[in-house]
Amino acid sequence: MTTPVRTSASKAASHGHAPYASFSSYMRARGPVLLRTARSLTANPLDAEDLLQTALTKTYVAWDRIEDHRALDGYVRRALVNTRTSQWRKRKVDEFACDEVPEPLAVHDVDLADRQVLHDAMWRAIGRLPARQRAMVVLRYYEDLSEARTAEVLGVSVGTVKSAVSRALGKLREDPELAPVR
């Protein structure tokens, strides 16, 4: 008589534990933060949810192979960016050149309500950028990656990052919704 082989998943299931309980815990704990990152990479909240779902699916599939679970956010962020990059590589992106870099905003004595209005207007303006420019602006200024690291993550040259970010900043500078802050 042959005894059935028990895998770690079947052992966990027989003890009342899901095989990936730690994945579920991670997803519940970090989901909102990762969704904000996904939203910053897309123009549509529903697309952001789909993007995050795809990245989390990739993470779930690789869960056993991820050695350092302290680096999970980086793994999921990379999956988000790679998935989004694949999506916009399939589409043509219109780009426009600009001649100036925007001046930094002085936010010394800004009312908190005014700051929130500006924050919301900025995200709407970023959402109107083409996907590729939006991704580069988010990685450079919101994820605080260097030009070289942004280029590496997106699989493009540093020059491409510089020119695309320059064009994106020019579009933001010309955005009518941001006109009151100039």
Protein backbone atom coordinates (compact mmCIF):
# COMPACT_ATOMS: atom_id res chain seq x y z
CA MET A 1 0.00 0.00 0.00
CA THR A 2 1.30 3.43 -0.99
CA THR A 3 1.13 6.35 1.41
CA PRO A 4 0.15 9.66 -0.17
CA VAL A 5 2.90 12.26 -0.31
CA ARG A 6 1.98 15.37 1.62
CA THR A 7 3.16 18.64 0.20
CA SER A 8 3.69 21.69 2.36
CA ALA A 9 0.44 23.09 0.90
CA SER A 10 -1.53 19.99 1.87
CA LYS A 11 0.06 20.00 5.34
CA ALA A 12 -0.89 23.65 5.78
CA ALA A 13 -4.42 22.98 4.51
CA SER A 14 -4.85 20.05 6.89
CA HIS A 15 -3.93 22.34 9.79
CA GLY A 16 -6.54 24.90 8.73
CA HIS A 17 -4.04 27.34 7.19
CA ALA A 18 -4.10 28.62 3.62
CA PRO A 19 -0.82 27.84 1.84
CA TYR A 20 -0.20 31.53 1.27
CA ALA A 21 -1.56 33.08 4.44
CA SER A 22 1.47 35.36 4.54
CA PHE A 23 0.61 36.59 1.02
CA SER A 24 -2.93 37.44 2.16
CA SER A 25 -1.54 39.29 5.18
CA TYR A 26 0.91 41.17 2.99
CA MET A 27 -1.79 42.09 0.50
CA ARG A 28 -4.12 43.41 3.22
CA ALA A 29 -1.35 45.40 4.90
CA ARG A 30 0.32 46.89 1.82
CA GLY A 31 -2.56 46.96 -0.68
CA PRO A 32 -3.56 50.61 -0.16
CA VAL A 33 0.03 51.87 -0.56
CA LEU A 34 0.58 49.75 -3.66
CA LEU A 35 -2.75 50.92 -5.11
CA ARG A 36 -1.57 54.54 -4.77
CA THR A 37 1.54 53.64 -6.76
CA ALA A 38 -0.61 51.92 -9.40
CA ARG A 39 -2.90 54.97 -9.58
CA SER A 40 0.09 57.19 -10.16
CA LEU A 41 1.04 55.05 -13.16
CA THR A 42 -2.39 55.12 -14.81
CA ALA A 43 -4.90 57.79 -15.71
CA ASN A 44 -7.90 55.75 -14.60
CA PRO A 45 -8.60 54.34 -11.10
CA LEU A 46 -10.11 51.19 -12.60
CA ASP A 47 -6.99 50.65 -14.71
CA ALA A 48 -4.93 51.10 -11.54
CA GLU A 49 -6.90 48.36 -9.80
CA ASP A 50 -6.39 46.04 -12.79
CA LEU A 51 -2.70 46.90 -12.87
CA LEU A 52 -2.30 46.15 -9.16
CA GLN A 53 -4.26 42.91 -9.51
CA THR A 54 -1.92 41.79 -12.30
CA ALA A 55 1.18 42.69 -10.27
CA LEU A 56 -0.16 40.88 -7.20
CA THR A 57 -0.96 37.83 -9.33
CA LYS A 58 2.64 37.79 -10.55
CA THR A 59 3.81 38.14 -6.95
CA TYR A 60 1.57 35.29 -5.80
CA VAL A 61 2.91 33.00 -8.51
CA ALA A 62 6.50 33.83 -7.50
CA TRP A 63 5.84 33.85 -3.72
CA ASP A 64 7.88 30.69 -3.02
CA ARG A 65 10.81 31.96 -5.07
CA ILE A 66 11.04 35.37 -3.39
CA GLU A 67 13.83 34.89 -0.87
CA ASP A 68 13.69 38.21 0.98
CA HIS A 69 10.11 39.01 1.90
CA ARG A 70 11.28 42.33 3.34
CA ALA A 71 11.77 43.47 -0.27
CA LEU A 72 8.24 42.61 -1.40
CA ASP A 73 7.19 46.22 -2.03
CA GLY A 74 10.07 46.60 -4.45
CA TYR A 75 9.13 43.36 -6.19
CA VAL A 76 5.49 44.45 -6.58
CA ARG A 77 6.48 47.98 -7.67
CA ARG A 78 8.74 46.46 -10.31
CA ALA A 79 5.87 44.23 -11.47
CA LEU A 80 3.59 47.30 -11.63
CA VAL A 81 6.05 49.30 -13.71
CA ASN A 82 6.96 46.38 -15.97
CA THR A 83 3.31 45.56 -16.63
CA ARG A 84 2.45 49.20 -17.31
CA THR A 85 5.53 49.56 -19.53
CA SER A 86 4.41 46.56 -21.57
CA GLN A 87 0.98 48.13 -21.96
CA TRP A 88 2.21 51.48 -23.28
CA ARG A 89 4.93 50.04 -25.43
CA LYS A 90 2.13 48.57 -27.47
CA ARG A 91 0.67 52.03 -28.12
CA LYS A 92 2.08 55.08 -29.87
CA VAL A 93 2.81 57.98 -27.55
CA ASP A 94 2.60 61.60 -28.69
CA GLU A 95 5.41 63.71 -27.26
CA PHE A 96 6.01 67.43 -27.33
CA ALA A 97 9.27 69.29 -26.77
CA CYS A 98 9.60 72.18 -24.33
CA ASP A 99 12.30 74.77 -23.81
CA GLU A 100 12.10 75.52 -20.07
CA VAL A 101 12.30 73.74 -16.74
CA PRO A 102 9.59 74.88 -14.29
CA GLU A 103 10.55 77.02 -11.34
CA PRO A 104 10.15 75.37 -7.93
CA LEU A 105 6.97 76.26 -6.08
CA ALA A 106 7.36 78.35 -2.94
CA VAL A 107 5.12 76.76 -0.31
CA HIS A 108 6.12 78.77 2.74
CA ASP A 109 2.83 80.13 4.06
CA VAL A 110 0.38 78.03 2.08
CA ASP A 111 -2.94 77.18 3.70
CA LEU A 112 -3.47 73.42 4.12
CA ALA A 113 -6.71 73.58 2.12
CA ASP A 114 -4.91 75.41 -0.70
CA ARG A 115 -2.18 72.81 -0.56
CA GLN A 116 -4.72 70.00 -0.94
CA VAL A 117 -6.36 71.77 -3.89
CA LEU A 118 -2.94 72.11 -5.52
CA HIS A 119 -2.12 68.46 -4.77
CA ASP A 120 -5.39 67.28 -6.35
CA ALA A 121 -4.94 69.54 -9.39
CA MET A 122 -1.38 68.28 -9.85
CA TRP A 123 -2.49 64.63 -9.81
CA ARG A 124 -5.24 65.37 -12.32
CA ALA A 125 -2.69 67.11 -14.54
CA ILE A 126 -0.26 64.19 -14.19
CA GLY A 127 -3.14 61.87 -15.05
CA ARG A 128 -3.59 63.72 -18.35
CA LEU A 129 0.01 63.10 -19.39
CA PRO A 130 0.70 60.27 -21.82
CA ALA A 131 1.32 57.02 -19.94
CA ARG A 132 5.05 56.90 -20.65
CA GLN A 133 5.67 60.47 -19.47
CA ARG A 134 3.42 59.92 -16.46
CA ALA A 135 5.42 56.83 -15.44
CA MET A 136 8.70 58.71 -15.74
CA VAL A 137 7.46 61.70 -13.73
CA VAL A 138 6.07 59.40 -11.02
CA LEU A 139 9.28 57.40 -10.76
CA ARG A 140 11.52 60.49 -10.80
CA TYR A 141 9.59 62.81 -8.50
CA TYR A 142 7.20 60.67 -6.45
CA GLU A 143 9.26 57.49 -6.07
CA ASP A 144 12.43 59.66 -5.99
CA LEU A 145 14.43 57.47 -8.37
CA SER A 146 17.47 58.86 -10.17
CA GLU A 147 17.38 59.34 -13.94
CA ALA A 148 19.63 56.30 -14.32
CA ARG A 149 17.44 54.12 -12.09
CA THR A 150 14.27 55.33 -13.85
CA ALA A 151 15.84 54.46 -17.20
CA GLU A 152 16.81 51.02 -15.89
CA VAL A 153 13.33 50.29 -14.51
CA LEU A 154 11.64 51.35 -17.75
CA GLY A 155 14.21 49.78 -20.05
CA VAL A 156 15.07 53.03 -21.84
CA SER A 157 18.13 55.26 -22.06
CA VAL A 158 18.90 58.05 -19.58
CA GLY A 159 18.54 60.53 -22.46
CA THR A 160 15.04 59.26 -23.12
CA VAL A 161 14.14 59.80 -19.47
CA LYS A 162 15.59 63.32 -19.50
CA SER A 163 13.76 64.38 -22.67
CA ALA A 164 10.44 62.75 -21.74
CA VAL A 165 10.48 64.25 -18.24
CA SER A 166 11.35 67.64 -19.74
CA ARG A 167 8.39 67.41 -22.12
CA ALA A 168 6.11 66.25 -19.31
CA LEU A 169 7.12 69.16 -17.10
CA GLY A 170 6.47 71.52 -20.00
CA LYS A 171 2.96 70.11 -20.38
CA LEU A 172 2.36 70.47 -16.65
CA ARG A 173 3.59 74.05 -16.82
CA GLU A 174 1.04 74.78 -19.54
CA ASP A 175 -1.85 72.92 -17.90
CA PRO A 176 -4.73 75.42 -17.45
CA GLU A 177 -5.82 73.85 -14.16
CA LEU A 178 -2.43 74.66 -12.68
CA ALA A 179 -2.44 78.25 -13.97
CA PRO A 180 -3.54 79.80 -10.62
CA VAL A 181 -0.32 78.62 -8.93
CA ARG A 182 2.07 80.22 -11.44
